[in-house]
Protein backbone atom coordinates (compact mmCIF):
# COMPACT_ATOMS: atom_id res chain seq x y z
CA UNK A 1 92.70 113.75 104.98
CA UNK A 2 92.11 113.30 101.28
CA UNK A 3 93.25 110.20 99.48
CA UNK A 4 94.37 112.36 96.58
CA UNK A 5 96.70 114.55 98.63
CA UNK A 6 99.10 111.61 99.02
CA UNK A 7 99.61 111.48 95.24
CA UNK A 8 102.46 113.77 94.27
CA UNK A 9 102.85 113.79 90.48
CA UNK A 10 100.04 115.43 88.46
CA UNK A 11 97.83 112.86 86.78
CA UNK A 12 96.01 112.72 83.45
CA UNK A 13 92.26 113.52 83.52
CA UNK A 14 91.23 109.86 83.27
CA UNK A 15 93.32 108.88 86.28
CA UNK A 16 92.01 111.95 88.07
CA UNK A 17 88.43 110.81 87.47
CA UNK A 18 89.24 107.35 88.84
CA UNK A 19 90.99 108.86 91.85
CA UNK A 20 88.02 111.08 92.53
CA UNK A 21 85.71 108.09 92.58
CA UNK A 22 88.11 106.24 94.88
CA UNK A 23 88.35 109.33 97.07
CA UNK A 24 84.56 109.45 97.45
CA UNK A 25 84.41 105.77 98.36
CA UNK A 26 87.30 106.26 100.78
CA UNK A 27 85.51 109.15 102.47
CA UNK A 28 82.30 107.14 102.72
CA UNK A 29 84.08 104.27 104.51
CA UNK A 30 85.21 106.44 107.42
């Protein structure tokens, strides 16, 4: 399950970039 899919409201590009980085780190931890 993606970390991003739990975020409902659309985010600005900067937040999206941060989330993507967090998502990659989150996936790597599993």
